[in-house]
Amino acid sequence: IMADAGFDDYPVEWWHFTLSDEPYPDTYFD
């Protein structure tokens, strides 16, 4: 479901997904 919506999974955590084309790939907000 998540892959079809454009997300990449994190194989060691079944619950963890990141948007494939994320807009801020190098920015960590606070």
PDB file of all heavy atoms in Angstrom:
ATOM      1  N   ILE A   1       0.841  -1.201   0.000  1.00  0.00           N
ATOM      2  CA  ILE A   1       0.000   0.000   0.000  1.00  0.00           C
ATOM      3  C   ILE A   1       0.874   1.248   0.000  1.00  0.00           C
ATOM      4  O   ILE A   1       0.637   2.204  -0.756  1.00  0.00           O
ATOM      5  CB  ILE A   1      -0.958  -0.010   1.208  1.00  0.00           C
ATOM      6  CG1 ILE A   1      -2.059  -1.038   0.995  1.00  0.00           C
ATOM      7  CG2 ILE A   1      -1.547   1.377   1.448  1.00  0.00           C
ATOM      8  CD1 ILE A   1      -2.958  -1.244   2.210  1.00  0.00           C
ATOM      9  N   MET A   2       1.901   1.233   0.832  1.00  0.00           N
ATOM     10  CA  MET A   2       2.763   2.403   0.936  1.00  0.00           C
ATOM     11  C   MET A   2       3.627   2.578  -0.310  1.00  0.00           C
ATOM     12  O   MET A   2       3.834   3.703  -0.778  1.00  0.00           O
ATOM     13  CB  MET A   2       3.631   2.286   2.189  1.00  0.00           C
ATOM     14  CG  MET A   2       2.834   2.305   3.498  1.00  0.00           C
ATOM     15  SD  MET A   2       1.903   3.833   3.732  1.00  0.00           S
ATOM     16  CE  MET A   2       3.246   4.964   4.112  1.00  0.00           C
ATOM     17  N   ALA A   3       4.113   1.484  -0.858  1.00  0.00           N
ATOM     18  CA  ALA A   3       4.927   1.576  -2.077  1.00  0.00           C
ATOM     19  C   ALA A   3       4.111   2.152  -3.228  1.00  0.00           C
ATOM     20  O   ALA A   3       4.603   3.002  -3.997  1.00  0.00           O
ATOM     21  CB  ALA A   3       5.477   0.202  -2.441  1.00  0.00           C
ATOM     22  N   ASP A   4       2.873   1.720  -3.352  1.00  0.00           N
ATOM     23  CA  ASP A   4       2.015   2.217  -4.430  1.00  0.00           C
ATOM     24  C   ASP A   4       1.735   3.712  -4.278  1.00  0.00           C
ATOM     25  O   ASP A   4       1.442   4.394  -5.277  1.00  0.00           O
ATOM     26  CB  ASP A   4       0.690   1.449  -4.451  1.00  0.00           C
ATOM     27  CG  ASP A   4       0.857   0.021  -4.963  1.00  0.00           C
ATOM     28  OD1 ASP A   4       1.913  -0.290  -5.547  1.00  0.00           O
ATOM     29  OD2 ASP A   4      -0.075  -0.785  -4.747  1.00  0.00           O
ATOM     30  N   ALA A   5       1.828   4.212  -3.028  1.00  0.00           N
ATOM     31  CA  ALA A   5       1.585   5.632  -2.788  1.00  0.00           C
ATOM     32  C   ALA A   5       2.866   6.461  -2.867  1.00  0.00           C
ATOM     33  O   ALA A   5       2.831   7.679  -2.670  1.00  0.00           O
ATOM     34  CB  ALA A   5       0.928   5.826  -1.414  1.00  0.00           C
ATOM     35  N   GLY A   6       4.006   5.800  -3.140  1.00  0.00           N
ATOM     36  CA  GLY A   6       5.245   6.545  -3.336  1.00  0.00           C
ATOM     37  C   GLY A   6       6.221   6.528  -2.185  1.00  0.00           C
ATOM     38  O   GLY A   6       7.087   7.410  -2.101  1.00  0.00           O
ATOM     39  N   PHE A   7       6.129   5.523  -1.314  1.00  0.00           N
ATOM     40  CA  PHE A   7       7.008   5.450  -0.144  1.00  0.00           C
ATOM     41  C   PHE A   7       8.004   4.302  -0.261  1.00  0.00           C
ATOM     42  O   PHE A   7       7.706   3.246  -0.832  1.00  0.00           O
ATOM     43  CB  PHE A   7       6.185   5.240   1.130  1.00  0.00           C
ATOM     44  CG  PHE A   7       5.377   6.429   1.556  1.00  0.00           C
ATOM     45  CD1 PHE A   7       4.106   6.655   1.040  1.00  0.00           C
ATOM     46  CD2 PHE A   7       5.884   7.340   2.477  1.00  0.00           C
ATOM     47  CE1 PHE A   7       3.357   7.746   1.427  1.00  0.00           C
ATOM     48  CE2 PHE A   7       5.150   8.440   2.874  1.00  0.00           C
ATOM     49  CZ  PHE A   7       3.876   8.645   2.354  1.00  0.00           C
ATOM     50  N   ASP A   8       9.187   4.499   0.324  1.00  0.00           N
ATOM     51  CA  ASP A   8      10.188   3.451   0.477  1.00  0.00           C
ATOM     52  C   ASP A   8      10.125   2.921   1.899  1.00  0.00           C
ATOM     53  O   ASP A   8       9.977   3.694   2.856  1.00  0.00           O
ATOM     54  CB  ASP A   8      11.594   3.991   0.214  1.00  0.00           C
ATOM     55  CG  ASP A   8      11.781   4.463  -1.222  1.00  0.00           C
ATOM     56  OD1 ASP A   8      11.192   3.837  -2.119  1.00  0.00           O
ATOM     57  OD2 ASP A   8      12.507   5.457  -1.422  1.00  0.00           O
ATOM     58  N   ASP A   9      10.238   1.605   2.047  1.00  0.00           N
ATOM     59  CA  ASP A   9      10.204   1.030   3.389  1.00  0.00           C
ATOM     60  C   ASP A   9      11.604   0.989   3.983  1.00  0.00           C
ATOM     61  O   ASP A   9      12.609   1.155   3.293  1.00  0.00           O
ATOM     62  CB  ASP A   9       9.609  -0.373   3.357  1.00  0.00           C
ATOM     63  CG  ASP A   9      10.529  -1.367   2.676  1.00  0.00           C
ATOM     64  OD1 ASP A   9      10.931  -1.110   1.529  1.00  0.00           O
ATOM     65  OD2 ASP A   9      10.863  -2.394   3.293  1.00  0.00           O
ATOM     66  N   TYR A  10      11.676   0.766   5.285  1.00  0.00           N
ATOM     67  CA  TYR A  10      12.931   0.580   6.021  1.00  0.00           C
ATOM     68  C   TYR A  10      12.925  -0.868   6.480  1.00  0.00           C
ATOM     69  O   TYR A  10      12.183  -1.220   7.397  1.00  0.00           O
ATOM     70  CB  TYR A  10      12.984   1.555   7.191  1.00  0.00           C
ATOM     71  CG  TYR A  10      14.255   1.531   7.997  1.00  0.00           C
ATOM     72  CD1 TYR A  10      15.504   1.522   7.379  1.00  0.00           C
ATOM     73  CD2 TYR A  10      14.210   1.548   9.388  1.00  0.00           C
ATOM     74  CE1 TYR A  10      16.669   1.527   8.116  1.00  0.00           C
ATOM     75  CE2 TYR A  10      15.370   1.552  10.135  1.00  0.00           C
ATOM     76  CZ  TYR A  10      16.599   1.538   9.496  1.00  0.00           C
ATOM     77  OH  TYR A  10      17.761   1.542  10.233  1.00  0.00           O
ATOM     78  N   PRO A  11      13.695  -1.760   5.863  1.00  0.00           N
ATOM     79  CA  PRO A  11      13.520  -3.203   6.036  1.00  0.00           C
ATOM     80  C   PRO A  11      13.628  -3.728   7.462  1.00  0.00           C
ATOM     81  O   PRO A  11      13.050  -4.769   7.765  1.00  0.00           O
ATOM     82  CB  PRO A  11      14.627  -3.802   5.156  1.00  0.00           C
ATOM     83  CG  PRO A  11      14.878  -2.755   4.118  1.00  0.00           C
ATOM     84  CD  PRO A  11      14.703  -1.446   4.838  1.00  0.00           C
ATOM     85  N   VAL A  12      14.326  -3.023   8.355  1.00  0.00           N
ATOM     86  CA  VAL A  12      14.478  -3.557   9.716  1.00  0.00           C
ATOM     87  C   VAL A  12      13.368  -3.111  10.658  1.00  0.00           C
ATOM     88  O   VAL A  12      13.326  -3.540  11.818  1.00  0.00           O
ATOM     89  CB  VAL A  12      15.859  -3.196  10.309  1.00  0.00           C
ATOM     90  CG1 VAL A  12      16.971  -3.816   9.493  1.00  0.00           C
ATOM     91  CG2 VAL A  12      16.047  -1.698  10.419  1.00  0.00           C
ATOM     92  N   GLU A  13      12.467  -2.250  10.173  1.00  0.00           N
ATOM     93  CA  GLU A  13      11.319  -1.814  10.973  1.00  0.00           C
ATOM     94  C   GLU A  13      10.069  -1.836  10.090  1.00  0.00           C
ATOM     95  O   GLU A  13       9.941  -1.017   9.169  1.00  0.00           O
ATOM     96  CB  GLU A  13      11.529  -0.393  11.527  1.00  0.00           C
ATOM     97  CG  GLU A  13      12.674  -0.286  12.528  1.00  0.00           C
ATOM     98  CD  GLU A  13      12.924   1.147  12.979  1.00  0.00           C
ATOM     99  OE1 GLU A  13      12.355   2.089  12.389  1.00  0.00           O
ATOM    100  OE2 GLU A  13      13.700   1.320  13.939  1.00  0.00           O
ATOM    101  N   TRP A  14       9.160  -2.742  10.337  1.00  0.00           N
ATOM    102  CA  TRP A  14       7.998  -2.907   9.463  1.00  0.00           C
ATOM    103  C   TRP A  14       7.127  -1.662   9.406  1.00  0.00           C
ATOM    104  O   TRP A  14       6.353  -1.475   8.447  1.00  0.00           O
ATOM    105  CB  TRP A  14       7.173  -4.122   9.897  1.00  0.00           C
ATOM    106  CG  TRP A  14       6.640  -4.088  11.301  1.00  0.00           C
ATOM    107  CD1 TRP A  14       7.133  -4.742  12.391  1.00  0.00           C
ATOM    108  CD2 TRP A  14       5.483  -3.357  11.779  1.00  0.00           C
ATOM    109  NE1 TRP A  14       6.381  -4.467  13.526  1.00  0.00           N
ATOM    110  CE2 TRP A  14       5.368  -3.624  13.167  1.00  0.00           C
ATOM    111  CE3 TRP A  14       4.549  -2.516  11.162  1.00  0.00           C
ATOM    112  CZ2 TRP A  14       4.353  -3.075  13.955  1.00  0.00           C
ATOM    113  CZ3 TRP A  14       3.535  -1.956  11.945  1.00  0.00           C
ATOM    114  CH2 TRP A  14       3.450  -2.246  13.319  1.00  0.00           C
ATOM    115  N   TRP A  15       7.204  -0.784  10.395  1.00  0.00           N
ATOM    116  CA  TRP A  15       6.310   0.374  10.511  1.00  0.00           C
ATOM    117  C   TRP A  15       6.866   1.643   9.858  1.00  0.00           C
ATOM    118  O   TRP A  15       6.173   2.649   9.796  1.00  0.00           O
ATOM    119  CB  TRP A  15       6.067   0.672  11.997  1.00  0.00           C
ATOM    120  CG  TRP A  15       7.343   0.871  12.787  1.00  0.00           C
ATOM    121  CD1 TRP A  15       8.098   2.017  12.883  1.00  0.00           C
ATOM    122  CD2 TRP A  15       8.026  -0.117  13.561  1.00  0.00           C
ATOM    123  NE1 TRP A  15       9.192   1.810  13.664  1.00  0.00           N
ATOM    124  CE2 TRP A  15       9.182   0.504  14.102  1.00  0.00           C
ATOM    125  CE3 TRP A  15       7.775  -1.450  13.872  1.00  0.00           C
ATOM    126  CZ2 TRP A  15      10.088  -0.173  14.923  1.00  0.00           C
ATOM    127  CZ3 TRP A  15       8.671  -2.131  14.689  1.00  0.00           C
ATOM    128  CH2 TRP A  15       9.808  -1.505  15.212  1.00  0.00           C
ATOM    129  N   HIS A  16       8.073   1.650   9.356  1.00  0.00           N
ATOM    130  CA  HIS A  16       8.817   2.867   9.013  1.00  0.00           C
ATOM    131  C   HIS A  16       8.879   3.070   7.496  1.00  0.00           C
ATOM    132  O   HIS A  16       9.377   2.216   6.773  1.00  0.00           O
ATOM    133  CB  HIS A  16      10.231   2.722   9.591  1.00  0.00           C
ATOM    134  CG  HIS A  16      11.139   3.890   9.382  1.00  0.00           C
ATOM    135  ND1 HIS A  16      11.668   4.609  10.420  1.00  0.00           N
ATOM    136  CD2 HIS A  16      11.636   4.449   8.251  1.00  0.00           C
ATOM    137  CE1 HIS A  16      12.464   5.556   9.946  1.00  0.00           C
ATOM    138  NE2 HIS A  16      12.458   5.481   8.621  1.00  0.00           N
ATOM    139  N   PHE A  17       8.398   4.246   7.018  1.00  0.00           N
ATOM    140  CA  PHE A  17       8.355   4.547   5.589  1.00  0.00           C
ATOM    141  C   PHE A  17       8.748   6.003   5.328  1.00  0.00           C
ATOM    142  O   PHE A  17       8.418   6.889   6.116  1.00  0.00           O
ATOM    143  CB  PHE A  17       6.954   4.294   5.025  1.00  0.00           C
ATOM    144  CG  PHE A  17       6.523   2.857   5.108  1.00  0.00           C
ATOM    145  CD1 PHE A  17       5.901   2.367   6.253  1.00  0.00           C
ATOM    146  CD2 PHE A  17       6.764   1.985   4.060  1.00  0.00           C
ATOM    147  CE1 PHE A  17       5.514   1.036   6.347  1.00  0.00           C
ATOM    148  CE2 PHE A  17       6.382   0.650   4.135  1.00  0.00           C
ATOM    149  CZ  PHE A  17       5.760   0.178   5.286  1.00  0.00           C
ATOM    150  N   THR A  18       9.425   6.223   4.213  1.00  0.00           N
ATOM    151  CA  THR A  18       9.853   7.563   3.812  1.00  0.00           C
ATOM    152  C   THR A  18       9.401   7.840   2.383  1.00  0.00           C
ATOM    153  O   THR A  18       9.524   6.976   1.513  1.00  0.00           O
ATOM    154  CB  THR A  18      11.387   7.700   3.897  1.00  0.00           C
ATOM    155  OG1 THR A  18      11.806   7.489   5.252  1.00  0.00           O
ATOM    156  CG2 THR A  18      11.841   9.091   3.451  1.00  0.00           C
ATOM    157  N   LEU A  19       8.881   9.028   2.143  1.00  0.00           N
ATOM    158  CA  LEU A  19       8.467   9.415   0.800  1.00  0.00           C
ATOM    159  C   LEU A  19       9.669   9.339  -0.133  1.00  0.00           C
ATOM    160  O   LEU A  19      10.730   9.911   0.145  1.00  0.00           O
ATOM    161  CB  LEU A  19       7.892  10.826   0.824  1.00  0.00           C
ATOM    162  CG  LEU A  19       7.247  11.316  -0.482  1.00  0.00           C
ATOM    163  CD1 LEU A  19       5.966  10.543  -0.771  1.00  0.00           C
ATOM    164  CD2 LEU A  19       6.950  12.814  -0.389  1.00  0.00           C
ATOM    165  N   SER A  20       9.520   8.648  -1.242  1.00  0.00           N
ATOM    166  CA  SER A  20      10.646   8.425  -2.161  1.00  0.00           C
ATOM    167  C   SER A  20      11.244   9.736  -2.664  1.00  0.00           C
ATOM    168  O   SER A  20      12.458   9.900  -2.734  1.00  0.00           O
ATOM    169  CB  SER A  20      10.190   7.574  -3.344  1.00  0.00           C
ATOM    170  OG  SER A  20       9.669   6.336  -2.922  1.00  0.00           O
ATOM    171  N   ASP A  21      10.375  10.678  -3.012  1.00  0.00           N
ATOM    172  CA  ASP A  21      10.818  11.960  -3.554  1.00  0.00           C
ATOM    173  C   ASP A  21      10.630  13.042  -2.497  1.00  0.00           C
ATOM    174  O   ASP A  21       9.936  14.030  -2.711  1.00  0.00           O
ATOM    175  CB  ASP A  21      10.026  12.281  -4.827  1.00  0.00           C
ATOM    176  CG  ASP A  21      10.613  13.459  -5.594  1.00  0.00           C
ATOM    177  OD1 ASP A  21      11.789  13.779  -5.373  1.00  0.00           O
ATOM    178  OD2 ASP A  21       9.878  14.058  -6.406  1.00  0.00           O
ATOM    179  N   GLU A  22      11.294  12.861  -1.352  1.00  0.00           N
ATOM    180  CA  GLU A  22      11.086  13.801  -0.252  1.00  0.00           C
ATOM    181  C   GLU A  22      11.656  15.176  -0.602  1.00  0.00           C
ATOM    182  O   GLU A  22      12.711  15.291  -1.237  1.00  0.00           O
ATOM    183  CB  GLU A  22      11.702  13.279   1.045  1.00  0.00           C
ATOM    184  CG  GLU A  22      13.187  12.986   1.014  1.00  0.00           C
ATOM    185  CD  GLU A  22      13.701  12.527   2.369  1.00  0.00           C
ATOM    186  OE1 GLU A  22      13.402  13.178   3.375  1.00  0.00           O
ATOM    187  OE2 GLU A  22      14.417  11.516   2.399  1.00  0.00           O
ATOM    188  N   PRO A  23      10.964  16.255  -0.193  1.00  0.00           N
ATOM    189  CA  PRO A  23      11.379  17.600  -0.597  1.00  0.00           C
ATOM    190  C   PRO A  23      12.588  18.152   0.150  1.00  0.00           C
ATOM    191  O   PRO A  23      13.227  19.088  -0.324  1.00  0.00           O
ATOM    192  CB  PRO A  23      10.132  18.448  -0.323  1.00  0.00           C
ATOM    193  CG  PRO A  23       9.393  17.701   0.732  1.00  0.00           C
ATOM    194  CD  PRO A  23       9.648  16.253   0.455  1.00  0.00           C
ATOM    195  N   TYR A  24      12.912  17.609   1.333  1.00  0.00           N
ATOM    196  CA  TYR A  24      14.036  18.119   2.126  1.00  0.00           C
ATOM    197  C   TYR A  24      14.993  16.975   2.493  1.00  0.00           C
ATOM    198  O   TYR A  24      15.154  16.626   3.663  1.00  0.00           O
ATOM    199  CB  TYR A  24      13.535  18.792   3.408  1.00  0.00           C
ATOM    200  CG  TYR A  24      12.615  19.967   3.177  1.00  0.00           C
ATOM    201  CD1 TYR A  24      11.243  19.852   3.398  1.00  0.00           C
ATOM    202  CD2 TYR A  24      13.113  21.197   2.752  1.00  0.00           C
ATOM    203  CE1 TYR A  24      10.391  20.930   3.184  1.00  0.00           C
ATOM    204  CE2 TYR A  24      12.274  22.292   2.550  1.00  0.00           C
ATOM    205  CZ  TYR A  24      10.914  22.143   2.767  1.00  0.00           C
ATOM    206  OH  TYR A  24      10.082  23.215   2.556  1.00  0.00           O
ATOM    207  N   PRO A  25      15.653  16.382   1.516  1.00  0.00           N
ATOM    208  CA  PRO A  25      16.471  15.198   1.800  1.00  0.00           C
ATOM    209  C   PRO A  25      17.700  15.459   2.655  1.00  0.00           C
ATOM    210  O   PRO A  25      18.265  14.518   3.223  1.00  0.00           O
ATOM    211  CB  PRO A  25      16.878  14.719   0.401  1.00  0.00           C
ATOM    212  CG  PRO A  25      16.826  15.949  -0.451  1.00  0.00           C
ATOM    213  CD  PRO A  25      15.671  16.740   0.091  1.00  0.00           C
ATOM    214  N   ASP A  26      18.121  16.724   2.784  1.00  0.00           N
ATOM    215  CA  ASP A  26      19.334  17.039   3.540  1.00  0.00           C
ATOM    216  C   ASP A  26      19.099  18.029   4.674  1.00  0.00           C
ATOM    217  O   ASP A  26      20.048  18.589   5.223  1.00  0.00           O
ATOM    218  CB  ASP A  26      20.403  17.606   2.586  1.00  0.00           C
ATOM    219  CG  ASP A  26      20.752  16.634   1.474  1.00  0.00           C
ATOM    220  OD1 ASP A  26      21.047  15.467   1.784  1.00  0.00           O
ATOM    221  OD2 ASP A  26      20.710  17.046   0.294  1.00  0.00           O
ATOM    222  N   THR A  27      17.850  18.267   5.030  1.00  0.00           N
ATOM    223  CA  THR A  27      17.525  19.278   6.037  1.00  0.00           C
ATOM    224  C   THR A  27      16.841  18.639   7.233  1.00  0.00           C
ATOM    225  O   THR A  27      15.856  17.914   7.075  1.00  0.00           O
ATOM    226  CB  THR A  27      16.615  20.370   5.440  1.00  0.00           C
ATOM    227  OG1 THR A  27      17.228  20.896   4.260  1.00  0.00           O
ATOM    228  CG2 THR A  27      16.401  21.498   6.431  1.00  0.00           C
ATOM    229  N   TYR A  28      17.345  18.932   8.427  1.00  0.00           N
ATOM    230  CA  TYR A  28      16.818  18.361   9.664  1.00  0.00           C
ATOM    231  C   TYR A  28      16.249  19.499  10.502  1.00  0.00           C
ATOM    232  O   TYR A  28      16.981  20.342  11.012  1.00  0.00           O
ATOM    233  CB  TYR A  28      17.928  17.604  10.423  1.00  0.00           C
ATOM    234  CG  TYR A  28      18.436  16.421   9.629  1.00  0.00           C
ATOM    235  CD1 TYR A  28      19.363  16.590   8.595  1.00  0.00           C
ATOM    236  CD2 TYR A  28      17.958  15.145   9.885  1.00  0.00           C
ATOM    237  CE1 TYR A  28      19.801  15.512   7.844  1.00  0.00           C
ATOM    238  CE2 TYR A  28      18.393  14.059   9.131  1.00  0.00           C
ATOM    239  CZ  TYR A  28      19.316  14.252   8.104  1.00  0.00           C
ATOM    240  OH  TYR A  28      19.737  13.183   7.357  1.00  0.00           O
ATOM    241  N   PHE A  29      14.926  19.535  10.621  1.00  0.00           N
ATOM    242  CA  PHE A  29      14.236  20.637  11.274  1.00  0.00           C
ATOM    243  C   PHE A  29      14.115  20.412  12.788  1.00  0.00           C
ATOM    244  O   PHE A  29      14.219  19.288  13.266  1.00  0.00           O
ATOM    245  CB  PHE A  29      12.844  20.814  10.662  1.00  0.00           C
ATOM    246  CG  PHE A  29      12.869  21.188   9.206  1.00  0.00           C
ATOM    247  CD1 PHE A  29      12.721  20.217   8.225  1.00  0.00           C
ATOM    248  CD2 PHE A  29      13.050  22.514   8.821  1.00  0.00           C
ATOM    249  CE1 PHE A  29      12.738  20.561   6.872  1.00  0.00           C
ATOM    250  CE2 PHE A  29      13.068  22.867   7.470  1.00  0.00           C
ATOM    251  CZ  PHE A  29      12.919  21.883   6.503  1.00  0.00           C
ATOM    252  N   ASP A  30      13.859  21.520  13.502  1.00  0.00           N
ATOM    253  CA  ASP A  30      13.841  21.426  14.964  1.00  0.00           C
ATOM    254  C   ASP A  30      12.690  22.182  15.604  1.00  0.00           C
ATOM    255  O   ASP A  30      12.744  22.538  16.774  1.00  0.00           O
ATOM    256  CB  ASP A  30      15.178  21.938  15.531  1.00  0.00           C
ATOM    257  CG  ASP A  30      15.361  21.551  16.989  1.00  0.00           C
ATOM    258  OD1 ASP A  30      14.844  20.495  17.418  1.00  0.00           O
ATOM    259  OD2 ASP A  30      15.993  22.327  17.731  1.00  0.00           O
TER     260      ASP A  30
END
